[in-house]
Amino acid sequence: MHKVKNYDLFSTHAWYVPGVSGMFALLGFFILGAILSGIFMAIMMLFMTQQEIADYGMIVMYPVQFLPAMMYAAAKSRKNALFDPGYSLSSKHFGALGVGGAVLLTVVFTYSVMLAADLPNYLNAKLTESIPWLKKLYDMVMETMKQMTGGPLWSSFLVTALMAPFFEEWLCRGMILRGLLAGRKMKPVWAIVISALFFALIHMNPWQALNAFILGLLMGWIYYRTGSLWLTMLIHFVNNGTAVILGQIDSLKDYEYWIDMLGNTWYYVAFAVALVVIVGCIALVKKIPVEHPWGNIDPVEPQV
C-alpha cells in the first residue's frame, strides 16, 4: 500500500495525470477561479478602504484563482488512486550535482537567464512605444497591475515571490507538463513547449507573455531532466523575488531594463557572459541521466 499524508499536496494530486483535454479542463477551472477572485475583490471594495485593498487584496485574491483547479485535480486523483498508477509531482534526480549543486546551479542559471532575456523584453518595449494605440494599451495594463500589486513590500513579496512560484508551478509544471509527459502521446519537446505557452497564457498580459514563455521553456526542461518541482519553484522565486526587491530600491526605480542601467556597451558584455554561463549550465544539467521516456518523473503505485 502506498500511504499518502493528507497534508502532502504533491502526493494527493499524484494520481491525476491530465492529457490535452485535462489541460483545457484545468484552464477552465483556473478561469472560474479568476472570476471568483474578481467577485471577492468586489466584496472587499464594499467593506475595505482602498489602502486596505492594496495591502491585503491580492493575498486573498491570488490563491482563490487556483482553488477550483486544485479541488478538481484532488477529486480526480482520489478517484484514480485506488486503481491507476500515478506520477510524482516532485522527484529528486540531480545526478552528480547532488542537491546542493543543483540548487547553486539553478540560482546562477536563473540570474543569467534574467539578464539575457532582458534584451528581447527591451526590444518588445521599444516596438510597443513606436505604436501609439499599443502604447496606450500597455500603459493601461501596467497601471492596473500597479494598483493590484501596489501594496507594501511584505505583501508584494508574499504574493509575487512566494505564492506565485508555488501555485503557478503546481499548475504549469506539476500538473500540465507532468501530465503531458507521462501520457506519452507527444514528444517531450512539444510537451515542454505547450506547458510554456500555457504558463504565458495564464499571466493574461501580452507584455509578460514573452518573458513567461522563455522562462517556461527553461523551467520545463529543468523539470523534465530532474523531475524536481522544488527546483522550478526556486527558479520562479529567484526571478520574481529579485524583481520585487529591485523595484523597492529608490536609485533603481527609474530603470526598467538592465540595458538602461548598464548602458549599451556594458550590457552587451554582460549579455555575452550570461550566454556562456547558460550554455555551461545546460551542459551540466544534460549530464543527468534520463531514466524514463517521459523524463525523470517517478511513477507511484496505486493506493491498494
C-alpha atoms as a PDB file:
ATOM      1  CA  MET A   1       0.000   0.000   0.000  1.00  0.00           C
ATOM      2  CA  HIS A   2       1.207   3.490  -0.877  1.00  0.00           C
ATOM      3  CA  LYS A   3       0.367   5.746   2.053  1.00  0.00           C
ATOM      4  CA  VAL A   4      -0.295   9.431   1.487  1.00  0.00           C
ATOM      5  CA  LYS A   5      -0.269  12.130   4.119  1.00  0.00           C
ATOM      6  CA  ASN A   6      -3.376  14.307   3.848  1.00  0.00           C
ATOM      7  CA  TYR A   7      -1.362  17.500   4.103  1.00  0.00           C
ATOM      8  CA  ASP A   8       1.087  16.466   1.390  1.00  0.00           C
ATOM      9  CA  LEU A   9      -0.199  18.485  -1.586  1.00  0.00           C
ATOM     10  CA  PHE A  10       2.194  16.860  -4.035  1.00  0.00           C
ATOM     11  CA  SER A  11       1.133  13.313  -3.157  1.00  0.00           C
ATOM     12  CA  THR A  12      -2.608  13.982  -3.043  1.00  0.00           C
ATOM     13  CA  HIS A  13      -2.553  15.045  -6.705  1.00  0.00           C
ATOM     14  CA  ALA A  14      -0.175  12.367  -7.978  1.00  0.00           C
ATOM     15  CA  TRP A  15      -2.833  10.084  -9.496  1.00  0.00           C
ATOM     16  CA  TYR A  16      -4.362  12.714 -11.740  1.00  0.00           C
ATOM     17  CA  VAL A  17      -2.369  12.717 -14.960  1.00  0.00           C
ATOM     18  CA  PRO A  18      -4.098  15.224 -17.266  1.00  0.00           C
ATOM     19  CA  GLY A  19      -3.682  14.956 -21.014  1.00  0.00           C
ATOM     20  CA  VAL A  20      -4.618  17.659 -23.515  1.00  0.00           C
ATOM     21  CA  SER A  21      -8.312  17.529 -22.585  1.00  0.00           C
ATOM     22  CA  GLY A  22      -7.353  17.655 -18.915  1.00  0.00           C
ATOM     23  CA  MET A  23      -5.191  20.695 -19.618  1.00  0.00           C
ATOM     24  CA  PHE A  24      -8.209  22.550 -21.016  1.00  0.00           C
ATOM     25  CA  ALA A  25     -10.294  21.419 -18.041  1.00  0.00           C
ATOM     26  CA  LEU A  26      -7.708  22.866 -15.660  1.00  0.00           C
ATOM     27  CA  LEU A  27      -7.637  26.071 -17.716  1.00  0.00           C
ATOM     28  CA  GLY A  28     -11.423  26.277 -17.413  1.00  0.00           C
ATOM     29  CA  PHE A  29     -11.242  25.863 -13.637  1.00  0.00           C
ATOM     30  CA  PHE A  30      -8.480  28.466 -13.488  1.00  0.00           C
ATOM     31  CA  ILE A  31     -10.727  30.925 -15.372  1.00  0.00           C
ATOM     32  CA  LEU A  32     -13.529  30.088 -12.919  1.00  0.00           C
ATOM     33  CA  GLY A  33     -11.098  30.874 -10.104  1.00  0.00           C
ATOM     34  CA  ALA A  34     -10.227  34.204 -11.729  1.00  0.00           C
ATOM     35  CA  ILE A  35     -13.950  35.061 -11.860  1.00  0.00           C
ATOM     36  CA  LEU A  36     -14.359  34.119  -8.191  1.00  0.00           C
ATOM     37  CA  SER A  37     -11.298  36.219  -7.401  1.00  0.00           C
ATOM     38  CA  GLY A  38     -12.961  39.208  -9.080  1.00  0.00           C
ATOM     39  CA  ILE A  39     -16.113  38.635  -7.025  1.00  0.00           C
ATOM     40  CA  PHE A  40     -14.015  38.593  -3.851  1.00  0.00           C
ATOM     41  CA  MET A  41     -12.484  41.888  -4.921  1.00  0.00           C
ATOM     42  CA  ALA A  42     -15.912  43.431  -5.451  1.00  0.00           C
ATOM     43  CA  ILE A  43     -16.996  42.279  -1.982  1.00  0.00           C
ATOM     44  CA  MET A  44     -13.828  43.653  -0.394  1.00  0.00           C
ATOM     45  CA  MET A  45     -14.439  47.021  -2.035  1.00  0.00           C
ATOM     46  CA  LEU A  46     -17.718  47.251  -0.101  1.00  0.00           C
ATOM     47  CA  PHE A  47     -16.102  46.801   3.301  1.00  0.00           C
ATOM     48  CA  MET A  48     -12.451  47.877   2.985  1.00  0.00           C
ATOM     49  CA  THR A  49     -10.651  51.105   2.212  1.00  0.00           C
ATOM     50  CA  GLN A  50      -8.597  51.458  -0.971  1.00  0.00           C
ATOM     51  CA  GLN A  51      -5.395  51.261   1.079  1.00  0.00           C
ATOM     52  CA  GLU A  52      -6.524  48.082   2.830  1.00  0.00           C
ATOM     53  CA  ILE A  53      -7.361  46.518  -0.517  1.00  0.00           C
ATOM     54  CA  ALA A  54      -3.909  47.484  -1.835  1.00  0.00           C
ATOM     55  CA  ASP A  55      -2.293  45.975   1.279  1.00  0.00           C
ATOM     56  CA  TYR A  56      -4.279  42.756   1.593  1.00  0.00           C
ATOM     57  CA  GLY A  57      -6.410  42.294  -1.529  1.00  0.00           C
ATOM     58  CA  MET A  58      -4.015  40.181  -3.589  1.00  0.00           C
ATOM     59  CA  ILE A  59      -3.153  37.991  -0.592  1.00  0.00           C
ATOM     60  CA  VAL A  60      -6.780  36.848  -0.648  1.00  0.00           C
ATOM     61  CA  MET A  61      -7.468  37.059  -4.387  1.00  0.00           C
ATOM     62  CA  TYR A  62      -4.376  35.285  -5.707  1.00  0.00           C
ATOM     63  CA  PRO A  63      -4.848  31.837  -4.085  1.00  0.00           C
ATOM     64  CA  VAL A  64      -8.571  31.898  -4.920  1.00  0.00           C
ATOM     65  CA  GLN A  65      -7.679  31.768  -8.641  1.00  0.00           C
ATOM     66  CA  PHE A  66      -6.148  28.322  -8.181  1.00  0.00           C
ATOM     67  CA  LEU A  67      -8.552  26.751  -5.675  1.00  0.00           C
ATOM     68  CA  PRO A  68     -11.108  25.382  -8.211  1.00  0.00           C
ATOM     69  CA  ALA A  69      -8.326  23.750 -10.275  1.00  0.00           C
ATOM     70  CA  MET A  70      -6.733  22.284  -7.133  1.00  0.00           C
ATOM     71  CA  MET A  71     -10.037  20.924  -5.865  1.00  0.00           C
ATOM     72  CA  TYR A  72     -10.799  19.402  -9.276  1.00  0.00           C
ATOM     73  CA  ALA A  73      -7.338  17.778  -9.517  1.00  0.00           C
ATOM     74  CA  ALA A  74      -7.610  16.425  -5.958  1.00  0.00           C
ATOM     75  CA  ALA A  75     -11.023  14.874  -6.688  1.00  0.00           C
ATOM     76  CA  LYS A  76      -9.769  13.254  -9.902  1.00  0.00           C
ATOM     77  CA  SER A  77      -6.649  11.978  -8.111  1.00  0.00           C
ATOM     78  CA  ARG A  78      -8.660  10.418  -5.283  1.00  0.00           C
ATOM     79  CA  LYS A  79     -10.866   8.668  -7.832  1.00  0.00           C
ATOM     80  CA  ASN A  80      -7.876   7.238  -9.705  1.00  0.00           C
ATOM     81  CA  ALA A  81      -5.696   6.405  -6.693  1.00  0.00           C
ATOM     82  CA  LEU A  82      -7.208   3.004  -5.890  1.00  0.00           C
ATOM     83  CA  PHE A  83      -6.710   1.539  -9.343  1.00  0.00           C
ATOM     84  CA  ASP A  84      -4.313   3.554 -11.503  1.00  0.00           C
ATOM     85  CA  PRO A  85      -0.603   4.259 -11.188  1.00  0.00           C
ATOM     86  CA  GLY A  86       0.351   7.892 -10.755  1.00  0.00           C
ATOM     87  CA  TYR A  87       3.404  10.062 -11.227  1.00  0.00           C
ATOM     88  CA  SER A  88       5.093  12.083  -8.535  1.00  0.00           C
ATOM     89  CA  LEU A  89       4.761  15.850  -8.828  1.00  0.00           C
ATOM     90  CA  SER A  90       8.293  16.247  -7.494  1.00  0.00           C
ATOM     91  CA  SER A  91      11.208  13.808  -7.767  1.00  0.00           C
ATOM     92  CA  LYS A  92      14.913  14.072  -6.965  1.00  0.00           C
ATOM     93  CA  HIS A  93      17.134  13.314  -9.943  1.00  0.00           C
ATOM     94  CA  PHE A  94      20.187  15.543  -9.620  1.00  0.00           C
ATOM     95  CA  GLY A  95      22.901  13.200 -10.852  1.00  0.00           C
ATOM     96  CA  ALA A  96      26.447  14.042  -9.804  1.00  0.00           C
ATOM     97  CA  LEU A  97      25.360  17.589  -8.927  1.00  0.00           C
ATOM     98  CA  GLY A  98      23.613  16.491  -5.751  1.00  0.00           C
ATOM     99  CA  VAL A  99      21.019  18.672  -4.038  1.00  0.00           C
ATOM    100  CA  GLY A 100      23.456  21.459  -3.138  1.00  0.00           C
ATOM    101  CA  GLY A 101      24.998  21.585  -6.590  1.00  0.00           C
ATOM    102  CA  ALA A 102      21.584  21.601  -8.255  1.00  0.00           C
ATOM    103  CA  VAL A 103      20.409  24.491  -6.083  1.00  0.00           C
ATOM    104  CA  LEU A 104      23.560  26.546  -6.718  1.00  0.00           C
ATOM    105  CA  LEU A 105      23.450  25.832 -10.438  1.00  0.00           C
ATOM    106  CA  THR A 106      19.763  26.791 -10.541  1.00  0.00           C
ATOM    107  CA  VAL A 107      20.392  30.182  -8.935  1.00  0.00           C
ATOM    108  CA  VAL A 108      23.306  31.005 -11.265  1.00  0.00           C
ATOM    109  CA  PHE A 109      21.303  29.767 -14.251  1.00  0.00           C
ATOM    110  CA  THR A 110      18.280  31.879 -13.298  1.00  0.00           C
ATOM    111  CA  TYR A 111      20.215  35.133 -12.959  1.00  0.00           C
ATOM    112  CA  SER A 112      21.952  34.501 -16.279  1.00  0.00           C
ATOM    113  CA  VAL A 113      18.613  33.877 -17.997  1.00  0.00           C
ATOM    114  CA  MET A 114      17.139  37.015 -16.412  1.00  0.00           C
ATOM    115  CA  LEU A 115      19.994  39.098 -17.798  1.00  0.00           C
ATOM    116  CA  ALA A 116      19.864  37.567 -21.277  1.00  0.00           C
ATOM    117  CA  ALA A 117      16.052  37.646 -21.522  1.00  0.00           C
ATOM    118  CA  ASP A 118      16.086  41.355 -20.771  1.00  0.00           C
ATOM    119  CA  LEU A 119      17.132  42.097 -24.365  1.00  0.00           C
ATOM    120  CA  PRO A 120      14.020  40.696 -26.127  1.00  0.00           C
ATOM    121  CA  ASN A 121      11.869  42.364 -23.466  1.00  0.00           C
ATOM    122  CA  TYR A 122      13.609  45.679 -24.131  1.00  0.00           C
ATOM    123  CA  LEU A 123      13.132  45.355 -27.903  1.00  0.00           C
ATOM    124  CA  ASN A 124       9.489  44.433 -27.361  1.00  0.00           C
ATOM    125  CA  ALA A 125       9.022  47.565 -25.254  1.00  0.00           C
ATOM    126  CA  LYS A 126      10.613  49.740 -27.943  1.00  0.00           C
ATOM    127  CA  LEU A 127       8.264  48.279 -30.535  1.00  0.00           C
ATOM    128  CA  THR A 128       5.305  48.996 -28.255  1.00  0.00           C
ATOM    129  CA  GLU A 129       6.384  52.633 -27.834  1.00  0.00           C
ATOM    130  CA  SER A 130       6.502  53.108 -31.609  1.00  0.00           C
ATOM    131  CA  ILE A 131       2.805  52.216 -32.000  1.00  0.00           C
ATOM    132  CA  PRO A 132       0.567  54.825 -30.264  1.00  0.00           C
ATOM    133  CA  TRP A 133      -2.530  52.663 -29.695  1.00  0.00           C
ATOM    134  CA  LEU A 134      -0.379  49.774 -28.413  1.00  0.00           C
ATOM    135  CA  LYS A 135       1.495  52.112 -26.067  1.00  0.00           C
ATOM    136  CA  LYS A 136      -1.822  53.373 -24.686  1.00  0.00           C
ATOM    137  CA  LEU A 137      -2.975  49.802 -24.035  1.00  0.00           C
ATOM    138  CA  TYR A 138       0.378  48.970 -22.435  1.00  0.00           C
ATOM    139  CA  ASP A 139       0.138  51.966 -20.072  1.00  0.00           C
ATOM    140  CA  MET A 140      -3.389  50.956 -19.084  1.00  0.00           C
ATOM    141  CA  VAL A 141      -2.369  47.355 -18.350  1.00  0.00           C
ATOM    142  CA  MET A 142       0.683  48.464 -16.357  1.00  0.00           C
ATOM    143  CA  GLU A 143      -1.383  50.897 -14.310  1.00  0.00           C
ATOM    144  CA  THR A 144      -3.888  48.166 -13.494  1.00  0.00           C
ATOM    145  CA  MET A 145      -1.099  45.841 -12.392  1.00  0.00           C
ATOM    146  CA  LYS A 146       0.458  48.596 -10.290  1.00  0.00           C
ATOM    147  CA  GLN A 147      -2.827  49.148  -8.488  1.00  0.00           C
ATOM    148  CA  MET A 148      -3.221  45.418  -7.854  1.00  0.00           C
ATOM    149  CA  THR A 149       0.323  44.901  -6.542  1.00  0.00           C
ATOM    150  CA  GLY A 150       0.981  48.366  -5.161  1.00  0.00           C
ATOM    151  CA  GLY A 151       0.911  47.319  -1.535  1.00  0.00           C
ATOM    152  CA  PRO A 152       3.817  47.301   0.926  1.00  0.00           C
ATOM    153  CA  LEU A 153       6.945  45.270   0.298  1.00  0.00           C
ATOM    154  CA  TRP A 154       5.900  42.411   2.568  1.00  0.00           C
ATOM    155  CA  SER A 155       2.603  41.798   0.763  1.00  0.00           C
ATOM    156  CA  SER A 156       4.126  42.198  -2.717  1.00  0.00           C
ATOM    157  CA  PHE A 157       6.901  39.770  -1.791  1.00  0.00           C
ATOM    158  CA  LEU A 158       4.438  37.283  -0.284  1.00  0.00           C
ATOM    159  CA  VAL A 159       2.230  37.222  -3.377  1.00  0.00           C
ATOM    160  CA  THR A 160       4.815  37.629  -6.149  1.00  0.00           C
ATOM    161  CA  ALA A 161       7.819  35.750  -4.764  1.00  0.00           C
ATOM    162  CA  LEU A 162       6.169  33.046  -2.642  1.00  0.00           C
ATOM    163  CA  MET A 163       2.571  32.440  -3.712  1.00  0.00           C
ATOM    164  CA  ALA A 164       3.154  32.787  -7.457  1.00  0.00           C
ATOM    165  CA  PRO A 165       6.034  30.254  -7.635  1.00  0.00           C
ATOM    166  CA  PHE A 166       4.095  27.744  -5.559  1.00  0.00           C
ATOM    167  CA  PHE A 167       0.698  27.914  -7.260  1.00  0.00           C
ATOM    168  CA  GLU A 168       1.901  28.527 -10.818  1.00  0.00           C
ATOM    169  CA  GLU A 169       4.500  25.758 -10.681  1.00  0.00           C
ATOM    170  CA  TRP A 170       1.952  23.354  -9.225  1.00  0.00           C
ATOM    171  CA  LEU A 171      -0.333  24.072 -12.181  1.00  0.00           C
ATOM    172  CA  CYS A 172       2.055  24.543 -15.118  1.00  0.00           C
ATOM    173  CA  ARG A 173       4.807  22.053 -14.362  1.00  0.00           C
ATOM    174  CA  GLY A 174       3.364  19.794 -11.644  1.00  0.00           C
ATOM    175  CA  MET A 175       0.044  19.188 -13.368  1.00  0.00           C
ATOM    176  CA  ILE A 176       0.168  20.259 -17.041  1.00  0.00           C
ATOM    177  CA  LEU A 177       3.737  19.303 -18.012  1.00  0.00           C
ATOM    178  CA  ARG A 178       3.813  16.175 -15.846  1.00  0.00           C
ATOM    179  CA  GLY A 179       0.539  15.028 -17.395  1.00  0.00           C
ATOM    180  CA  LEU A 180       1.653  15.675 -20.972  1.00  0.00           C
ATOM    181  CA  LEU A 181       4.983  13.923 -20.398  1.00  0.00           C
ATOM    182  CA  ALA A 182       3.584  10.925 -18.524  1.00  0.00           C
ATOM    183  CA  GLY A 183       0.779  10.484 -21.043  1.00  0.00           C
ATOM    184  CA  ARG A 184       3.453   9.714 -23.649  1.00  0.00           C
ATOM    185  CA  LYS A 185       1.231  10.823 -26.537  1.00  0.00           C
ATOM    186  CA  MET A 186       3.633  13.532 -27.697  1.00  0.00           C
ATOM    187  CA  LYS A 187       7.364  14.111 -27.771  1.00  0.00           C
ATOM    188  CA  PRO A 188       8.793  15.710 -24.601  1.00  0.00           C
ATOM    189  CA  VAL A 189       9.858  18.814 -26.534  1.00  0.00           C
ATOM    190  CA  TRP A 190       6.248  19.504 -27.532  1.00  0.00           C
ATOM    191  CA  ALA A 191       5.023  18.868 -24.003  1.00  0.00           C
ATOM    192  CA  ILE A 192       7.527  21.456 -22.745  1.00  0.00           C
ATOM    193  CA  VAL A 193       6.526  23.993 -25.428  1.00  0.00           C
ATOM    194  CA  ILE A 194       2.797  23.560 -24.753  1.00  0.00           C
ATOM    195  CA  SER A 195       3.248  23.910 -20.986  1.00  0.00           C
ATOM    196  CA  ALA A 196       5.318  27.074 -21.559  1.00  0.00           C
ATOM    197  CA  LEU A 197       2.553  28.510 -23.754  1.00  0.00           C
ATOM    198  CA  PHE A 198       0.043  27.662 -21.023  1.00  0.00           C
ATOM    199  CA  PHE A 199       2.290  29.429 -18.496  1.00  0.00           C
ATOM    200  CA  ALA A 200       2.422  32.524 -20.700  1.00  0.00           C
ATOM    201  CA  LEU A 201      -1.349  32.454 -21.242  1.00  0.00           C
ATOM    202  CA  ILE A 202      -2.347  32.435 -17.562  1.00  0.00           C
ATOM    203  CA  HIS A 203      -0.385  35.639 -16.977  1.00  0.00           C
ATOM    204  CA  MET A 204      -3.078  37.358 -19.056  1.00  0.00           C
ATOM    205  CA  ASN A 205      -0.649  40.132 -20.001  1.00  0.00           C
ATOM    206  CA  PRO A 206       0.852  40.275 -23.529  1.00  0.00           C
ATOM    207  CA  TRP A 207       3.923  42.145 -22.278  1.00  0.00           C
ATOM    208  CA  GLN A 208       4.717  39.478 -19.695  1.00  0.00           C
ATOM    209  CA  ALA A 209       3.971  36.636 -22.087  1.00  0.00           C
ATOM    210  CA  LEU A 210       7.323  36.646 -23.915  1.00  0.00           C
ATOM    211  CA  ASN A 211       9.368  36.509 -20.721  1.00  0.00           C
ATOM    212  CA  ALA A 212       6.975  33.933 -19.235  1.00  0.00           C
ATOM    213  CA  PHE A 213       7.274  31.743 -22.328  1.00  0.00           C
ATOM    214  CA  ILE A 214      11.097  31.843 -22.300  1.00  0.00           C
ATOM    215  CA  LEU A 215      11.206  31.105 -18.580  1.00  0.00           C
ATOM    216  CA  GLY A 216       8.551  28.414 -19.015  1.00  0.00           C
ATOM    217  CA  LEU A 217      10.647  26.615 -21.621  1.00  0.00           C
ATOM    218  CA  LEU A 218      13.688  26.589 -19.355  1.00  0.00           C
ATOM    219  CA  MET A 219      11.767  25.537 -16.248  1.00  0.00           C
ATOM    220  CA  GLY A 220      10.010  22.836 -18.264  1.00  0.00           C
ATOM    221  CA  TRP A 221      13.318  21.438 -19.457  1.00  0.00           C
ATOM    222  CA  ILE A 222      14.746  21.513 -15.915  1.00  0.00           C
ATOM    223  CA  TYR A 223      11.645  19.664 -14.706  1.00  0.00           C
ATOM    224  CA  TYR A 224      11.994  17.061 -17.461  1.00  0.00           C
ATOM    225  CA  ARG A 225      15.649  16.418 -16.569  1.00  0.00           C
ATOM    226  CA  THR A 226      15.361  16.469 -12.743  1.00  0.00           C
ATOM    227  CA  GLY A 227      11.690  15.783 -12.006  1.00  0.00           C
ATOM    228  CA  SER A 228      12.007  18.370  -9.223  1.00  0.00           C
ATOM    229  CA  LEU A 229       9.133  20.806  -8.802  1.00  0.00           C
ATOM    230  CA  TRP A 230      11.071  22.420  -5.956  1.00  0.00           C
ATOM    231  CA  LEU A 231      13.816  23.433  -8.399  1.00  0.00           C
ATOM    232  CA  THR A 232      11.368  25.106 -10.774  1.00  0.00           C
ATOM    233  CA  MET A 233       9.795  26.851  -7.790  1.00  0.00           C
ATOM    234  CA  LEU A 234      13.262  28.076  -6.849  1.00  0.00           C
ATOM    235  CA  ILE A 235      13.815  29.475 -10.363  1.00  0.00           C
ATOM    236  CA  HIS A 236      10.442  31.201 -10.167  1.00  0.00           C
ATOM    237  CA  PHE A 237      11.193  32.541  -6.675  1.00  0.00           C
ATOM    238  CA  VAL A 238      14.588  33.950  -7.647  1.00  0.00           C
ATOM    239  CA  ASN A 239      13.171  35.612 -10.758  1.00  0.00           C
ATOM    240  CA  ASN A 240      10.134  37.150  -9.071  1.00  0.00           C
ATOM    241  CA  GLY A 241      11.760  37.922  -5.743  1.00  0.00           C
ATOM    242  CA  THR A 242      14.667  39.756  -7.371  1.00  0.00           C
ATOM    243  CA  ALA A 243      12.238  41.873  -9.416  1.00  0.00           C
ATOM    244  CA  VAL A 244      10.255  42.814  -6.302  1.00  0.00           C
ATOM    245  CA  ILE A 245      13.358  43.763  -4.298  1.00  0.00           C
ATOM    246  CA  LEU A 246      14.969  45.762  -7.117  1.00  0.00           C
ATOM    247  CA  GLY A 247      11.692  47.613  -7.578  1.00  0.00           C
ATOM    248  CA  GLN A 248      11.923  48.834  -3.980  1.00  0.00           C
ATOM    249  CA  ILE A 249      15.390  50.413  -4.358  1.00  0.00           C
ATOM    250  CA  ASP A 250      14.937  54.142  -4.947  1.00  0.00           C
ATOM    251  CA  SER A 251      18.085  54.553  -7.046  1.00  0.00           C
ATOM    252  CA  LEU A 252      16.879  51.853  -9.466  1.00  0.00           C
ATOM    253  CA  LYS A 253      13.227  52.843  -9.829  1.00  0.00           C
ATOM    254  CA  ASP A 254      13.932  54.905 -12.936  1.00  0.00           C
ATOM    255  CA  TYR A 255      15.442  51.878 -14.700  1.00  0.00           C
ATOM    256  CA  GLU A 256      13.077  49.317 -16.190  1.00  0.00           C
ATOM    257  CA  TYR A 257      15.710  47.294 -18.080  1.00  0.00           C
ATOM    258  CA  TRP A 258      19.300  46.243 -17.453  1.00  0.00           C
ATOM    259  CA  ILE A 259      20.400  47.897 -20.683  1.00  0.00           C
ATOM    260  CA  ASP A 260      19.141  51.238 -19.349  1.00  0.00           C
ATOM    261  CA  MET A 261      21.097  50.781 -16.156  1.00  0.00           C
ATOM    262  CA  LEU A 262      24.361  49.451 -17.590  1.00  0.00           C
ATOM    263  CA  GLY A 263      24.426  51.232 -20.943  1.00  0.00           C
ATOM    264  CA  ASN A 264      24.764  49.520 -24.305  1.00  0.00           C
ATOM    265  CA  THR A 265      28.438  48.511 -24.101  1.00  0.00           C
ATOM    266  CA  TRP A 266      28.436  47.016 -20.626  1.00  0.00           C
ATOM    267  CA  TYR A 267      25.072  45.380 -21.107  1.00  0.00           C
ATOM    268  CA  TYR A 268      26.187  43.545 -24.254  1.00  0.00           C
ATOM    269  CA  VAL A 269      29.338  42.386 -22.440  1.00  0.00           C
ATOM    270  CA  ALA A 270      27.165  41.087 -19.599  1.00  0.00           C
ATOM    271  CA  PHE A 271      24.778  39.548 -22.159  1.00  0.00           C
ATOM    272  CA  ALA A 272      27.635  37.605 -23.771  1.00  0.00           C
ATOM    273  CA  VAL A 273      28.870  36.362 -20.386  1.00  0.00           C
ATOM    274  CA  ALA A 274      25.329  35.320 -19.458  1.00  0.00           C
ATOM    275  CA  LEU A 275      25.011  33.289 -22.657  1.00  0.00           C
ATOM    276  CA  VAL A 276      28.276  31.454 -21.891  1.00  0.00           C
ATOM    277  CA  VAL A 277      27.075  30.691 -18.356  1.00  0.00           C
ATOM    278  CA  ILE A 278      23.706  29.468 -19.671  1.00  0.00           C
ATOM    279  CA  VAL A 279      25.406  27.112 -22.139  1.00  0.00           C
ATOM    280  CA  GLY A 280      27.651  25.790 -19.360  1.00  0.00           C
ATOM    281  CA  CYS A 281      24.689  25.227 -17.024  1.00  0.00           C
ATOM    282  CA  ILE A 282      22.760  23.412 -19.755  1.00  0.00           C
ATOM    283  CA  ALA A 283      25.757  21.157 -20.403  1.00  0.00           C
ATOM    284  CA  LEU A 284      25.915  20.212 -16.713  1.00  0.00           C
ATOM    285  CA  VAL A 285      22.190  19.506 -16.468  1.00  0.00           C
ATOM    286  CA  LYS A 286      22.358  17.368 -19.631  1.00  0.00           C
ATOM    287  CA  LYS A 287      24.730  15.034 -17.788  1.00  0.00           C
ATOM    288  CA  ILE A 288      21.870  13.956 -15.529  1.00  0.00           C
ATOM    289  CA  PRO A 289      20.715  10.561 -16.894  1.00  0.00           C
ATOM    290  CA  VAL A 290      17.096  10.447 -18.105  1.00  0.00           C
ATOM    291  CA  GLU A 291      15.620   7.276 -16.616  1.00  0.00           C
ATOM    292  CA  HIS A 292      12.258   7.131 -18.402  1.00  0.00           C
ATOM    293  CA  PRO A 293      10.966   8.027 -21.881  1.00  0.00           C
ATOM    294  CA  TRP A 294       8.816  10.693 -20.191  1.00  0.00           C
ATOM    295  CA  GLY A 295      11.737  12.151 -18.242  1.00  0.00           C
ATOM    296  CA  ASN A 296      12.820  11.842 -14.631  1.00  0.00           C
ATOM    297  CA  ILE A 297       9.322  11.853 -13.151  1.00  0.00           C
ATOM    298  CA  ASP A 298       8.951   8.923 -10.774  1.00  0.00           C
ATOM    299  CA  PRO A 299       5.895   6.658 -11.124  1.00  0.00           C
ATOM    300  CA  VAL A 300       3.923   5.840  -7.967  1.00  0.00           C
ATOM    301  CA  GLU A 301       1.795   2.759  -7.342  1.00  0.00           C
ATOM    302  CA  PRO A 302      -1.979   2.749  -6.752  1.00  0.00           C
ATOM    303  CA  GLN A 303      -3.188   3.069  -3.135  1.00  0.00           C
ATOM    304  CA  VAL A 304      -4.068  -0.584  -2.709  1.00  0.00           C
END
